[in-house]
Amino acid sequence: METRQNGLSLLLALKETLQREKEALMANDSVAFNNIVTEKQVFLSHLEEASFEECSRVDIEKEVNEIKELQECNLLLTKQAISYHDSILTALSDGMEKSSRTYSRKGQLSPSKNAGLFNQSI
């Protein structure tokens, strides 16, 4: 990207990147999501250097509002994914605590607090 890029074209590119981020979040594609986050960070420095002098204020406001909506949607999708993963981990660790029975050295079935799928001593 050039040093003094047109601000409106930069906003359009950012909006397209946010749309791809939304699709990656819905598809649970972590590799694509990671790449997109890196792209978004690059946009920050370019936005600081962009020129909005030749752009219509109405067009800029329209694009900024659409970017804001996409960003809020992506944030909601991210929070939903984190919540889902937390509930799965909680269910797995709770289930392992309740039914953790192992065999002793003598071959008897005995309850054990230390048998589990995850190391819970964090």
PDB file of N, CA and C in Angstrom:
ATOM      1  N   MET A   1       0.835  -1.188   0.000  1.00  0.00           N
ATOM      2  CA  MET A   1       0.000   0.000   0.000  1.00  0.00           C
ATOM      3  C   MET A   1       0.876   1.246   0.000  1.00  0.00           C
ATOM      4  N   GLU A   2       0.455   2.219  -0.738  1.00  0.00           N
ATOM      5  CA  GLU A   2       1.256   3.433  -0.836  1.00  0.00           C
ATOM      6  C   GLU A   2       1.107   4.288   0.423  1.00  0.00           C
ATOM      7  N   THR A   3       1.985   5.247   0.571  1.00  0.00           N
ATOM      8  CA  THR A   3       2.058   6.053   1.782  1.00  0.00           C
ATOM      9  C   THR A   3       0.792   6.859   2.031  1.00  0.00           C
ATOM     10  N   ARG A   4       0.282   7.580   1.020  1.00  0.00           N
ATOM     11  CA  ARG A   4      -0.908   8.403   1.191  1.00  0.00           C
ATOM     12  C   ARG A   4      -2.067   7.796   0.395  1.00  0.00           C
ATOM     13  N   GLN A   5      -2.552   6.683   0.864  1.00  0.00           N
ATOM     14  CA  GLN A   5      -3.617   5.986   0.155  1.00  0.00           C
ATOM     15  C   GLN A   5      -4.955   6.687   0.377  1.00  0.00           C
ATOM     16  N   ASN A   6      -5.832   6.564  -0.592  1.00  0.00           N
ATOM     17  CA  ASN A   6      -7.175   7.106  -0.473  1.00  0.00           C
ATOM     18  C   ASN A   6      -7.862   6.445   0.720  1.00  0.00           C
ATOM     19  N   GLY A   7      -8.381   7.252   1.622  1.00  0.00           N
ATOM     20  CA  GLY A   7      -9.001   6.746   2.838  1.00  0.00           C
ATOM     21  C   GLY A   7     -10.218   5.879   2.588  1.00  0.00           C
ATOM     22  N   LEU A   8     -11.031   6.252   1.605  1.00  0.00           N
ATOM     23  CA  LEU A   8     -12.244   5.493   1.327  1.00  0.00           C
ATOM     24  C   LEU A   8     -11.915   4.098   0.808  1.00  0.00           C
ATOM     25  N   SER A   9     -10.940   3.991  -0.073  1.00  0.00           N
ATOM     26  CA  SER A   9     -10.563   2.665  -0.576  1.00  0.00           C
ATOM     27  C   SER A   9      -9.975   1.804   0.540  1.00  0.00           C
ATOM     28  N   LEU A  10      -9.291   2.443   1.473  1.00  0.00           N
ATOM     29  CA  LEU A  10      -8.753   1.724   2.624  1.00  0.00           C
ATOM     30  C   LEU A  10      -9.882   1.210   3.514  1.00  0.00           C
ATOM     31  N   LEU A  11     -10.912   2.034   3.718  1.00  0.00           N
ATOM     32  CA  LEU A  11     -12.065   1.596   4.505  1.00  0.00           C
ATOM     33  C   LEU A  11     -12.794   0.440   3.829  1.00  0.00           C
ATOM     34  N   LEU A  12     -12.900   0.499   2.515  1.00  0.00           N
ATOM     35  CA  LEU A  12     -13.541  -0.600   1.778  1.00  0.00           C
ATOM     36  C   LEU A  12     -12.745  -1.896   1.920  1.00  0.00           C
ATOM     37  N   ALA A  13     -11.428  -1.799   1.876  1.00  0.00           N
ATOM     38  CA  ALA A  13     -10.575  -2.979   2.051  1.00  0.00           C
ATOM     39  C   ALA A  13     -10.698  -3.527   3.467  1.00  0.00           C
ATOM     40  N   LEU A  14     -10.777  -2.644   4.456  1.00  0.00           N
ATOM     41  CA  LEU A  14     -10.954  -3.079   5.843  1.00  0.00           C
ATOM     42  C   LEU A  14     -12.290  -3.784   6.013  1.00  0.00           C
ATOM     43  N   LYS A  15     -13.326  -3.242   5.387  1.00  0.00           N
ATOM     44  CA  LYS A  15     -14.652  -3.862   5.476  1.00  0.00           C
ATOM     45  C   LYS A  15     -14.636  -5.263   4.863  1.00  0.00           C
ATOM     46  N   GLU A  16     -13.937  -5.420   3.750  1.00  0.00           N
ATOM     47  CA  GLU A  16     -13.830  -6.734   3.111  1.00  0.00           C
ATOM     48  C   GLU A  16     -13.063  -7.707   4.018  1.00  0.00           C
ATOM     49  N   THR A  17     -12.040  -7.219   4.691  1.00  0.00           N
ATOM     50  CA  THR A  17     -11.277  -8.053   5.621  1.00  0.00           C
ATOM     51  C   THR A  17     -12.141  -8.479   6.799  1.00  0.00           C
ATOM     52  N   LEU A  18     -12.957  -7.567   7.318  1.00  0.00           N
ATOM     53  CA  LEU A  18     -13.856  -7.908   8.421  1.00  0.00           C
ATOM     54  C   LEU A  18     -14.906  -8.926   7.986  1.00  0.00           C
ATOM     55  N   GLN A  19     -15.353  -8.839   6.747  1.00  0.00           N
ATOM     56  CA  GLN A  19     -16.315  -9.824   6.234  1.00  0.00           C
ATOM     57  C   GLN A  19     -15.667 -11.210   6.167  1.00  0.00           C
ATOM     58  N   ARG A  20     -14.403 -11.262   5.721  1.00  0.00           N
ATOM     59  CA  ARG A  20     -13.683 -12.540   5.701  1.00  0.00           C
ATOM     60  C   ARG A  20     -13.460 -13.060   7.118  1.00  0.00           C
ATOM     61  N   GLU A  21     -13.226 -12.154   8.067  1.00  0.00           N
ATOM     62  CA  GLU A  21     -13.063 -12.554   9.461  1.00  0.00           C
ATOM     63  C   GLU A  21     -14.357 -13.167   9.983  1.00  0.00           C
ATOM     64  N   LYS A  22     -15.481 -12.576   9.648  1.00  0.00           N
ATOM     65  CA  LYS A  22     -16.783 -13.104  10.064  1.00  0.00           C
ATOM     66  C   LYS A  22     -16.986 -14.520   9.521  1.00  0.00           C
ATOM     67  N   GLU A  23     -16.656 -14.722   8.254  1.00  0.00           N
ATOM     68  CA  GLU A  23     -16.798 -16.048   7.651  1.00  0.00           C
ATOM     69  C   GLU A  23     -15.859 -17.054   8.315  1.00  0.00           C
ATOM     70  N   ALA A  24     -14.645 -16.631   8.646  1.00  0.00           N
ATOM     71  CA  ALA A  24     -13.694 -17.525   9.320  1.00  0.00           C
ATOM     72  C   ALA A  24     -14.192 -17.884  10.720  1.00  0.00           C
ATOM     73  N   LEU A  25     -14.781 -16.927  11.414  1.00  0.00           N
ATOM     74  CA  LEU A  25     -15.323 -17.204  12.742  1.00  0.00           C
ATOM     75  C   LEU A  25     -16.495 -18.178  12.660  1.00  0.00           C
ATOM     76  N   MET A  26     -17.355 -17.991  11.680  1.00  0.00           N
ATOM     77  CA  MET A  26     -18.504 -18.886  11.547  1.00  0.00           C
ATOM     78  C   MET A  26     -18.067 -20.290  11.139  1.00  0.00           C
ATOM     79  N   ALA A  27     -16.989 -20.389  10.371  1.00  0.00           N
ATOM     80  CA  ALA A  27     -16.477 -21.692   9.946  1.00  0.00           C
ATOM     81  C   ALA A  27     -15.510 -22.298  10.969  1.00  0.00           C
ATOM     82  N   ASN A  28     -15.210 -21.549  12.020  1.00  0.00           N
ATOM     83  CA  ASN A  28     -14.270 -21.977  13.061  1.00  0.00           C
ATOM     84  C   ASN A  28     -12.902 -22.296  12.455  1.00  0.00           C
ATOM     85  N   ASP A  29     -12.471 -21.462  11.523  1.00  0.00           N
ATOM     86  CA  ASP A  29     -11.191 -21.616  10.837  1.00  0.00           C
ATOM     87  C   ASP A  29     -10.143 -20.761  11.548  1.00  0.00           C
ATOM     88  N   SER A  30      -9.432 -21.363  12.483  1.00  0.00           N
ATOM     89  CA  SER A  30      -8.499 -20.606  13.317  1.00  0.00           C
ATOM     90  C   SER A  30      -7.286 -20.097  12.537  1.00  0.00           C
ATOM     91  N   VAL A  31      -6.844 -20.820  11.529  1.00  0.00           N
ATOM     92  CA  VAL A  31      -5.683 -20.384  10.747  1.00  0.00           C
ATOM     93  C   VAL A  31      -6.037 -19.120   9.962  1.00  0.00           C
ATOM     94  N   ALA A  32      -7.185 -19.149   9.290  1.00  0.00           N
ATOM     95  CA  ALA A  32      -7.610 -17.970   8.534  1.00  0.00           C
ATOM     96  C   ALA A  32      -7.856 -16.798   9.474  1.00  0.00           C
ATOM     97  N   PHE A  33      -8.454 -17.068  10.624  1.00  0.00           N
ATOM     98  CA  PHE A  33      -8.726 -16.013  11.599  1.00  0.00           C
ATOM     99  C   PHE A  33      -7.434 -15.360  12.064  1.00  0.00           C
ATOM    100  N   ASN A  34      -6.430 -16.154  12.345  1.00  0.00           N
ATOM    101  CA  ASN A  34      -5.137 -15.624  12.793  1.00  0.00           C
ATOM    102  C   ASN A  34      -4.511 -14.737  11.722  1.00  0.00           C
ATOM    103  N   ASN A  35      -4.579 -15.156  10.468  1.00  0.00           N
ATOM    104  CA  ASN A  35      -4.039 -14.347   9.372  1.00  0.00           C
ATOM    105  C   ASN A  35      -4.786 -13.025   9.231  1.00  0.00           C
ATOM    106  N   ILE A  36      -6.086 -13.074   9.407  1.00  0.00           N
ATOM    107  CA  ILE A  36      -6.907 -11.868   9.273  1.00  0.00           C
ATOM    108  C   ILE A  36      -6.612 -10.876  10.395  1.00  0.00           C
ATOM    109  N   VAL A  37      -6.400 -11.374  11.597  1.00  0.00           N
ATOM    110  CA  VAL A  37      -6.050 -10.487  12.717  1.00  0.00           C
ATOM    111  C   VAL A  37      -4.748  -9.758  12.412  1.00  0.00           C
ATOM    112  N   THR A  38      -3.800 -10.452  11.826  1.00  0.00           N
ATOM    113  CA  THR A  38      -2.540  -9.820  11.429  1.00  0.00           C
ATOM    114  C   THR A  38      -2.785  -8.738  10.377  1.00  0.00           C
ATOM    115  N   GLU A  39      -3.663  -9.030   9.410  1.00  0.00           N
ATOM    116  CA  GLU A  39      -4.003  -8.031   8.389  1.00  0.00           C
ATOM    117  C   GLU A  39      -4.643  -6.796   9.019  1.00  0.00           C
ATOM    118  N   LYS A  40      -5.526  -7.004   9.989  1.00  0.00           N
ATOM    119  CA  LYS A  40      -6.205  -5.877  10.637  1.00  0.00           C
ATOM    120  C   LYS A  40      -5.211  -4.980  11.363  1.00  0.00           C
ATOM    121  N   GLN A  41      -4.178  -5.542  11.933  1.00  0.00           N
ATOM    122  CA  GLN A  41      -3.175  -4.746  12.620  1.00  0.00           C
ATOM    123  C   GLN A  41      -2.425  -3.851  11.639  1.00  0.00           C
ATOM    124  N   VAL A  42      -2.211  -4.332  10.430  1.00  0.00           N
ATOM    125  CA  VAL A  42      -1.537  -3.542   9.401  1.00  0.00           C
ATOM    126  C   VAL A  42      -2.402  -2.342   9.008  1.00  0.00           C
ATOM    127  N   PHE A  43      -3.730  -2.542   9.016  1.00  0.00           N
ATOM    128  CA  PHE A  43      -4.637  -1.459   8.652  1.00  0.00           C
ATOM    129  C   PHE A  43      -4.505  -0.256   9.589  1.00  0.00           C
ATOM    130  N   LEU A  44      -4.180  -0.493  10.842  1.00  0.00           N
ATOM    131  CA  LEU A  44      -4.076   0.611  11.803  1.00  0.00           C
ATOM    132  C   LEU A  44      -3.032   1.643  11.369  1.00  0.00           C
ATOM    133  N   SER A  45      -1.871   1.174  10.981  1.00  0.00           N
ATOM    134  CA  SER A  45      -0.829   2.127  10.572  1.00  0.00           C
ATOM    135  C   SER A  45      -1.200   2.817   9.262  1.00  0.00           C
ATOM    136  N   HIS A  46      -1.850   2.103   8.373  1.00  0.00           N
ATOM    137  CA  HIS A  46      -2.237   2.710   7.095  1.00  0.00           C
ATOM    138  C   HIS A  46      -3.360   3.730   7.268  1.00  0.00           C
ATOM    139  N   LEU A  47      -4.260   3.488   8.215  1.00  0.00           N
ATOM    140  CA  LEU A  47      -5.343   4.449   8.453  1.00  0.00           C
ATOM    141  C   LEU A  47      -4.808   5.772   8.993  1.00  0.00           C
ATOM    142  N   GLU A  48      -3.751   5.696   9.789  1.00  0.00           N
ATOM    143  CA  GLU A  48      -3.151   6.919  10.320  1.00  0.00           C
ATOM    144  C   GLU A  48      -2.555   7.774   9.212  1.00  0.00           C
ATOM    145  N   GLU A  49      -2.086   7.135   8.151  1.00  0.00           N
ATOM    146  CA  GLU A  49      -1.427   7.844   7.055  1.00  0.00           C
ATOM    147  C   GLU A  49      -2.365   8.127   5.885  1.00  0.00           C
ATOM    148  N   ALA A  50      -3.594   7.641   5.932  1.00  0.00           N
ATOM    149  CA  ALA A  50      -4.517   7.771   4.798  1.00  0.00           C
ATOM    150  C   ALA A  50      -5.018   9.202   4.653  1.00  0.00           C
ATOM    151  N   SER A  51      -5.359   9.533   3.429  1.00  0.00           N
ATOM    152  CA  SER A  51      -5.885  10.852   3.119  1.00  0.00           C
ATOM    153  C   SER A  51      -7.378  10.744   2.842  1.00  0.00           C
ATOM    154  N   PHE A  52      -8.171  11.523   3.588  1.00  0.00           N
ATOM    155  CA  PHE A  52      -9.622  11.523   3.418  1.00  0.00           C
ATOM    156  C   PHE A  52     -10.095  12.836   2.786  1.00  0.00           C
ATOM    157  N   GLU A  53      -9.161  13.628   2.246  1.00  0.00           N
ATOM    158  CA  GLU A  53      -9.486  14.957   1.723  1.00  0.00           C
ATOM    159  C   GLU A  53     -10.419  14.921   0.522  1.00  0.00           C
ATOM    160  N   GLU A  54     -10.259  13.963  -0.354  1.00  0.00           N
ATOM    161  CA  GLU A  54     -11.067  13.903  -1.571  1.00  0.00           C
ATOM    162  C   GLU A  54     -12.314  13.045  -1.412  1.00  0.00           C
ATOM    163  N   CYS A  55     -12.610  12.609  -0.187  1.00  0.00           N
ATOM    164  CA  CYS A  55     -13.731  11.694   0.051  1.00  0.00           C
ATOM    165  C   CYS A  55     -14.942  12.456   0.585  1.00  0.00           C
ATOM    166  N   SER A  56     -16.094  11.967   0.228  1.00  0.00           N
ATOM    167  CA  SER A  56     -17.337  12.534   0.730  1.00  0.00           C
ATOM    168  C   SER A  56     -17.552  12.110   2.178  1.00  0.00           C
ATOM    169  N   ARG A  57     -17.962  13.036   3.018  1.00  0.00           N
ATOM    170  CA  ARG A  57     -18.201  12.741   4.426  1.00  0.00           C
ATOM    171  C   ARG A  57     -19.309  11.695   4.588  1.00  0.00           C
ATOM    172  N   VAL A  58     -20.318  11.769   3.755  1.00  0.00           N
ATOM    173  CA  VAL A  58     -21.434  10.811   3.821  1.00  0.00           C
ATOM    174  C   VAL A  58     -20.931   9.404   3.515  1.00  0.00           C
ATOM    175  N   ASP A  59     -20.084   9.271   2.492  1.00  0.00           N
ATOM    176  CA  ASP A  59     -19.533   7.967   2.132  1.00  0.00           C
ATOM    177  C   ASP A  59     -18.658   7.409   3.253  1.00  0.00           C
ATOM    178  N   ILE A  60     -17.857   8.280   3.834  1.00  0.00           N
ATOM    179  CA  ILE A  60     -16.975   7.843   4.925  1.00  0.00           C
ATOM    180  C   ILE A  60     -17.805   7.371   6.121  1.00  0.00           C
ATOM    181  N   GLU A  61     -18.822   8.144   6.498  1.00  0.00           N
ATOM    182  CA  GLU A  61     -19.670   7.767   7.628  1.00  0.00           C
ATOM    183  C   GLU A  61     -20.399   6.450   7.369  1.00  0.00           C
ATOM    184  N   LYS A  62     -20.846   6.249   6.139  1.00  0.00           N
ATOM    185  CA  LYS A  62     -21.528   5.001   5.778  1.00  0.00           C
ATOM    186  C   LYS A  62     -20.595   3.814   5.953  1.00  0.00           C
ATOM    187  N   GLU A  63     -19.387   3.928   5.434  1.00  0.00           N
ATOM    188  CA  GLU A  63     -18.417   2.831   5.539  1.00  0.00           C
ATOM    189  C   GLU A  63     -18.003   2.583   6.990  1.00  0.00           C
ATOM    190  N   VAL A  64     -17.799   3.646   7.739  1.00  0.00           N
ATOM    191  CA  VAL A  64     -17.402   3.502   9.147  1.00  0.00           C
ATOM    192  C   VAL A  64     -18.509   2.809   9.939  1.00  0.00           C
ATOM    193  N   ASN A  65     -19.770   3.151   9.679  1.00  0.00           N
ATOM    194  CA  ASN A  65     -20.879   2.494  10.369  1.00  0.00           C
ATOM    195  C   ASN A  65     -20.962   1.010  10.021  1.00  0.00           C
ATOM    196  N   GLU A  66     -20.742   0.677   8.747  1.00  0.00           N
ATOM    197  CA  GLU A  66     -20.753  -0.729   8.350  1.00  0.00           C
ATOM    198  C   GLU A  66     -19.586  -1.486   8.978  1.00  0.00           C
ATOM    199  N   ILE A  67     -18.429  -0.847   9.064  1.00  0.00           N
ATOM    200  CA  ILE A  67     -17.267  -1.465   9.715  1.00  0.00           C
ATOM    201  C   ILE A  67     -17.558  -1.696  11.195  1.00  0.00           C
ATOM    202  N   LYS A  68     -18.184  -0.726  11.826  1.00  0.00           N
ATOM    203  CA  LYS A  68     -18.519  -0.855  13.240  1.00  0.00           C
ATOM    204  C   LYS A  68     -19.478  -2.030  13.457  1.00  0.00           C
ATOM    205  N   GLU A  69     -20.486  -2.168  12.607  1.00  0.00           N
ATOM    206  CA  GLU A  69     -21.434  -3.274  12.735  1.00  0.00           C
ATOM    207  C   GLU A  69     -20.753  -4.622  12.541  1.00  0.00           C
ATOM    208  N   LEU A  70     -19.885  -4.711  11.540  1.00  0.00           N
ATOM    209  CA  LEU A  70     -19.153  -5.961  11.308  1.00  0.00           C
ATOM    210  C   LEU A  70     -18.241  -6.299  12.480  1.00  0.00           C
ATOM    211  N   GLN A  71     -17.571  -5.283  13.017  1.00  0.00           N
ATOM    212  CA  GLN A  71     -16.670  -5.513  14.144  1.00  0.00           C
ATOM    213  C   GLN A  71     -17.451  -5.981  15.371  1.00  0.00           C
ATOM    214  N   GLU A  72     -18.617  -5.408  15.625  1.00  0.00           N
ATOM    215  CA  GLU A  72     -19.454  -5.831  16.752  1.00  0.00           C
ATOM    216  C   GLU A  72     -19.953  -7.264  16.557  1.00  0.00           C
ATOM    217  N   CYS A  73     -20.319  -7.599  15.337  1.00  0.00           N
ATOM    218  CA  CYS A  73     -20.761  -8.958  15.028  1.00  0.00           C
ATOM    219  C   CYS A  73     -19.622  -9.950  15.245  1.00  0.00           C
ATOM    220  N   ASN A  74     -18.430  -9.607  14.778  1.00  0.00           N
ATOM    221  CA  ASN A  74     -17.273 -10.479  14.950  1.00  0.00           C
ATOM    222  C   ASN A  74     -16.903 -10.641  16.419  1.00  0.00           C
ATOM    223  N   LEU A  75     -17.032  -9.576  17.182  1.00  0.00           N
ATOM    224  CA  LEU A  75     -16.771  -9.659  18.617  1.00  0.00           C
ATOM    225  C   LEU A  75     -17.765 -10.600  19.284  1.00  0.00           C
ATOM    226  N   LEU A  76     -19.031 -10.508  18.904  1.00  0.00           N
ATOM    227  CA  LEU A  76     -20.056 -11.394  19.451  1.00  0.00           C
ATOM    228  C   LEU A  76     -19.780 -12.849  19.087  1.00  0.00           C
ATOM    229  N   LEU A  77     -19.383 -13.099  17.843  1.00  0.00           N
ATOM    230  CA  LEU A  77     -19.048 -14.461  17.422  1.00  0.00           C
ATOM    231  C   LEU A  77     -17.843 -15.000  18.185  1.00  0.00           C
ATOM    232  N   THR A  78     -16.862 -14.148  18.438  1.00  0.00           N
ATOM    233  CA  THR A  78     -15.684 -14.563  19.196  1.00  0.00           C
ATOM    234  C   THR A  78     -16.059 -14.911  20.634  1.00  0.00           C
ATOM    235  N   LYS A  79     -16.873 -14.061  21.269  1.00  0.00           N
ATOM    236  CA  LYS A  79     -17.314 -14.342  22.639  1.00  0.00           C
ATOM    237  C   LYS A  79     -18.129 -15.629  22.704  1.00  0.00           C
ATOM    238  N   GLN A  80     -18.959 -15.872  21.696  1.00  0.00           N
ATOM    239  CA  GLN A  80     -19.762 -17.078  21.653  1.00  0.00           C
ATOM    240  C   GLN A  80     -18.863 -18.312  21.548  1.00  0.00           C
ATOM    241  N   ALA A  81     -17.846 -18.257  20.711  1.00  0.00           N
ATOM    242  CA  ALA A  81     -16.929 -19.386  20.551  1.00  0.00           C
ATOM    243  C   ALA A  81     -16.163 -19.657  21.842  1.00  0.00           C
ATOM    244  N   ILE A  82     -15.719 -18.603  22.511  1.00  0.00           N
ATOM    245  CA  ILE A  82     -14.995 -18.774  23.775  1.00  0.00           C
ATOM    246  C   ILE A  82     -15.910 -19.378  24.832  1.00  0.00           C
ATOM    247  N   SER A  83     -17.134 -18.910  24.896  1.00  0.00           N
ATOM    248  CA  SER A  83     -18.096 -19.438  25.860  1.00  0.00           C
ATOM    249  C   SER A  83     -18.365 -20.921  25.601  1.00  0.00           C
ATOM    250  N   TYR A  84     -18.504 -21.282  24.337  1.00  0.00           N
ATOM    251  CA  TYR A  84     -18.736 -22.681  23.976  1.00  0.00           C
ATOM    252  C   TYR A  84     -17.556 -23.550  24.406  1.00  0.00           C
ATOM    253  N   HIS A  85     -16.345 -23.093  24.135  1.00  0.00           N
ATOM    254  CA  HIS A  85     -15.156 -23.871  24.498  1.00  0.00           C
ATOM    255  C   HIS A  85     -15.031 -23.984  26.011  1.00  0.00           C
ATOM    256  N   ASP A  86     -15.345 -22.918  26.729  1.00  0.00           N
ATOM    257  CA  ASP A  86     -15.309 -22.968  28.196  1.00  0.00           C
ATOM    258  C   ASP A  86     -16.316 -23.973  28.740  1.00  0.00           C
ATOM    259  N   SER A  87     -17.517 -23.995  28.174  1.00  0.00           N
ATOM    260  CA  SER A  87     -18.533 -24.933  28.657  1.00  0.00           C
ATOM    261  C   SER A  87     -18.141 -26.374  28.361  1.00  0.00           C
ATOM    262  N   ILE A  88     -17.507 -26.623  27.224  1.00  0.00           N
ATOM    263  CA  ILE A  88     -17.036 -27.975  26.907  1.00  0.00           C
ATOM    264  C   ILE A  88     -15.949 -28.409  27.885  1.00  0.00           C
ATOM    265  N   LEU A  89     -14.996 -27.519  28.146  1.00  0.00           N
ATOM    266  CA  LEU A  89     -13.919 -27.847  29.095  1.00  0.00           C
ATOM    267  C   LEU A  89     -14.462 -28.081  30.493  1.00  0.00           C
ATOM    268  N   THR A  90     -15.433 -27.276  30.910  1.00  0.00           N
ATOM    269  CA  THR A  90     -16.041 -27.450  32.227  1.00  0.00           C
ATOM    270  C   THR A  90     -16.772 -28.781  32.304  1.00  0.00           C
ATOM    271  N   ALA A  91     -17.525 -29.108  31.268  1.00  0.00           N
ATOM    272  CA  ALA A  91     -18.252 -30.378  31.253  1.00  0.00           C
ATOM    273  C   ALA A  91     -17.298 -31.565  31.298  1.00  0.00           C
ATOM    274  N   LEU A  92     -16.211 -31.485  30.547  1.00  0.00           N
ATOM    275  CA  LEU A  92     -15.237 -32.574  30.547  1.00  0.00           C
ATOM    276  C   LEU A  92     -14.567 -32.725  31.908  1.00  0.00           C
ATOM    277  N   SER A  93     -14.137 -31.621  32.485  1.00  0.00           N
ATOM    278  CA  SER A  93     -13.433 -31.714  33.771  1.00  0.00           C
ATOM    279  C   SER A  93     -14.381 -32.102  34.900  1.00  0.00           C
ATOM    280  N   ASP A  94     -15.640 -31.619  34.885  1.00  0.00           N
ATOM    281  CA  ASP A  94     -16.613 -32.020  35.905  1.00  0.00           C
ATOM    282  C   ASP A  94     -16.950 -33.499  35.775  1.00  0.00           C
ATOM    283  N   GLY A  95     -17.102 -33.956  34.555  1.00  0.00           N
ATOM    284  CA  GLY A  95     -17.413 -35.364  34.319  1.00  0.00           C
ATOM    285  C   GLY A  95     -16.288 -36.269  34.780  1.00  0.00           C
ATOM    286  N   MET A  96     -15.080 -35.851  34.613  1.00  0.00           N
ATOM    287  CA  MET A  96     -13.944 -36.662  35.040  1.00  0.00           C
ATOM    288  C   MET A  96     -13.834 -36.704  36.554  1.00  0.00           C
ATOM    289  N   GLU A  97     -14.205 -35.620  37.218  1.00  0.00           N
ATOM    290  CA  GLU A  97     -14.156 -35.603  38.682  1.00  0.00           C
ATOM    291  C   GLU A  97     -15.193 -36.547  39.283  1.00  0.00           C
ATOM    292  N   LYS A  98     -16.388 -36.563  38.724  1.00  0.00           N
ATOM    293  CA  LYS A  98     -17.476 -37.363  39.273  1.00  0.00           C
ATOM    294  C   LYS A  98     -17.233 -38.857  39.105  1.00  0.00           C
ATOM    295  N   SER A  99     -16.717 -39.253  37.985  1.00  0.00           N
ATOM    296  CA  SER A  99     -16.589 -40.684  37.710  1.00  0.00           C
ATOM    297  C   SER A  99     -15.146 -41.148  37.691  1.00  0.00           C
ATOM    298  N   SER A 100     -14.321 -40.528  38.469  1.00  0.00           N
ATOM    299  CA  SER A 100     -12.915 -40.923  38.443  1.00  0.00           C
ATOM    300  C   SER A 100     -12.698 -42.097  39.401  1.00  0.00           C
ATOM    301  N   ARG A 101     -12.698 -43.276  38.828  1.00  0.00           N
ATOM    302  CA  ARG A 101     -12.432 -44.505  39.578  1.00  0.00           C
ATOM    303  C   ARG A 101     -11.310 -45.240  38.865  1.00  0.00           C
ATOM    304  N   THR A 102     -10.392 -45.734  39.625  1.00  0.00           N
ATOM    305  CA  THR A 102      -9.277 -46.472  39.045  1.00  0.00           C
ATOM    306  C   THR A 102      -9.090 -47.773  39.790  1.00  0.00           C
ATOM    307  N   TYR A 103      -8.249 -48.621  39.245  1.00  0.00           N
ATOM    308  CA  TYR A 103      -7.926 -49.873  39.920  1.00  0.00           C
ATOM    309  C   TYR A 103      -6.698 -49.681  40.790  1.00  0.00           C
ATOM    310  N   SER A 104      -6.762 -50.243  41.982  1.00  0.00           N
ATOM    311  CA  SER A 104      -5.610 -50.169  42.878  1.00  0.00           C
ATOM    312  C   SER A 104      -4.586 -51.216  42.459  1.00  0.00           C
ATOM    313  N   ARG A 105      -3.465 -51.239  43.151  1.00  0.00           N
ATOM    314  CA  ARG A 105      -2.418 -52.211  42.832  1.00  0.00           C
ATOM    315  C   ARG A 105      -2.888 -53.648  43.092  1.00  0.00           C
ATOM    316  N   LYS A 106      -3.859 -53.787  43.977  1.00  0.00           N
ATOM    317  CA  LYS A 106      -4.371 -55.117  44.299  1.00  0.00           C
ATOM    318  C   LYS A 106      -5.486 -55.554  43.358  1.00  0.00           C
ATOM    319  N   GLY A 107      -5.858 -54.691  42.418  1.00  0.00           N
ATOM    320  CA  GLY A 107      -6.885 -55.063  41.452  1.00  0.00           C
ATOM    321  C   GLY A 107      -8.291 -54.662  41.864  1.00  0.00           C
ATOM    322  N   GLN A 108      -8.425 -53.920  42.952  1.00  0.00           N
ATOM    323  CA  GLN A 108      -9.744 -53.492  43.418  1.00  0.00           C
ATOM    324  C   GLN A 108     -10.088 -52.134  42.800  1.00  0.00           C
ATOM    325  N   LEU A 109     -11.375 -51.943  42.527  1.00  0.00           N
ATOM    326  CA  LEU A 109     -11.848 -50.677  42.001  1.00  0.00           C
ATOM    327  C   LEU A 109     -11.962 -49.688  43.160  1.00  0.00           C
ATOM    328  N   SER A 110     -11.310 -48.540  43.039  1.00  0.00           N
ATOM    329  CA  SER A 110     -11.341 -47.571  44.126  1.00  0.00           C
ATOM    330  C   SER A 110     -11.455 -46.162  43.558  1.00  0.00           C
ATOM    331  N   PRO A 111     -12.138 -45.264  44.300  1.00  0.00           N
ATOM    332  CA  PRO A 111     -12.245 -43.878  43.816  1.00  0.00           C
ATOM    333  C   PRO A 111     -10.883 -43.180  43.893  1.00  0.00           C
ATOM    334  N   SER A 112     -10.652 -42.314  42.947  1.00  0.00           N
ATOM    335  CA  SER A 112      -9.396 -41.575  42.918  1.00  0.00           C
ATOM    336  C   SER A 112      -9.684 -40.139  42.525  1.00  0.00           C
ATOM    337  N   LYS A 113      -9.091 -39.212  43.230  1.00  0.00           N
ATOM    338  CA  LYS A 113      -9.288 -37.795  42.917  1.00  0.00           C
ATOM    339  C   LYS A 113      -8.324 -37.312  41.844  1.00  0.00           C
ATOM    340  N   ASN A 114      -7.256 -38.014  41.619  1.00  0.00           N
ATOM    341  CA  ASN A 114      -6.227 -37.551  40.710  1.00  0.00           C
ATOM    342  C   ASN A 114      -6.380 -38.036  39.273  1.00  0.00           C
ATOM    343  N   ALA A 115      -7.291 -38.970  39.016  1.00  0.00           N
ATOM    344  CA  ALA A 115      -7.457 -39.466  37.659  1.00  0.00           C
ATOM    345  C   ALA A 115      -8.325 -38.501  36.883  1.00  0.00           C
ATOM    346  N   GLY A 116      -7.811 -37.963  35.841  1.00  0.00           N
ATOM    347  CA  GLY A 116      -8.587 -37.020  35.043  1.00  0.00           C
ATOM    348  C   GLY A 116      -7.942 -36.793  33.703  1.00  0.00           C
ATOM    349  N   LEU A 117      -8.709 -36.206  32.822  1.00  0.00           N
ATOM    350  CA  LEU A 117      -8.222 -35.939  31.477  1.00  0.00           C
ATOM    351  C   LEU A 117      -7.265 -34.752  31.459  1.00  0.00           C
ATOM    352  N   PHE A 118      -7.510 -33.789  32.328  1.00  0.00           N
ATOM    353  CA  PHE A 118      -6.716 -32.559  32.361  1.00  0.00           C
ATOM    354  C   PHE A 118      -6.002 -32.418  33.684  1.00  0.00           C
ATOM    355  N   ASN A 119      -4.841 -31.800  33.660  1.00  0.00           N
ATOM    356  CA  ASN A 119      -4.139 -31.457  34.874  1.00  0.00           C
ATOM    357  C   ASN A 119      -4.813 -30.220  35.453  1.00  0.00           C
ATOM    358  N   GLN A 120      -5.473 -30.359  36.591  1.00  0.00           N
ATOM    359  CA  GLN A 120      -6.260 -29.269  37.144  1.00  0.00           C
ATOM    360  C   GLN A 120      -5.517 -28.504  38.215  1.00  0.00           C
ATOM    361  N   SER A 121      -4.212 -28.680  38.318  1.00  0.00           N
ATOM    362  CA  SER A 121      -3.436 -27.999  39.351  1.00  0.00           C
ATOM    363  C   SER A 121      -2.795 -26.737  38.810  1.00  0.00           C
ATOM    364  N   ILE A 122      -3.528 -25.989  38.031  1.00  0.00           N
ATOM    365  CA  ILE A 122      -2.988 -24.772  37.437  1.00  0.00           C
ATOM    366  C   ILE A 122      -2.874 -23.689  38.473  1.00  0.00           C
TER     367      ILE A 122
END
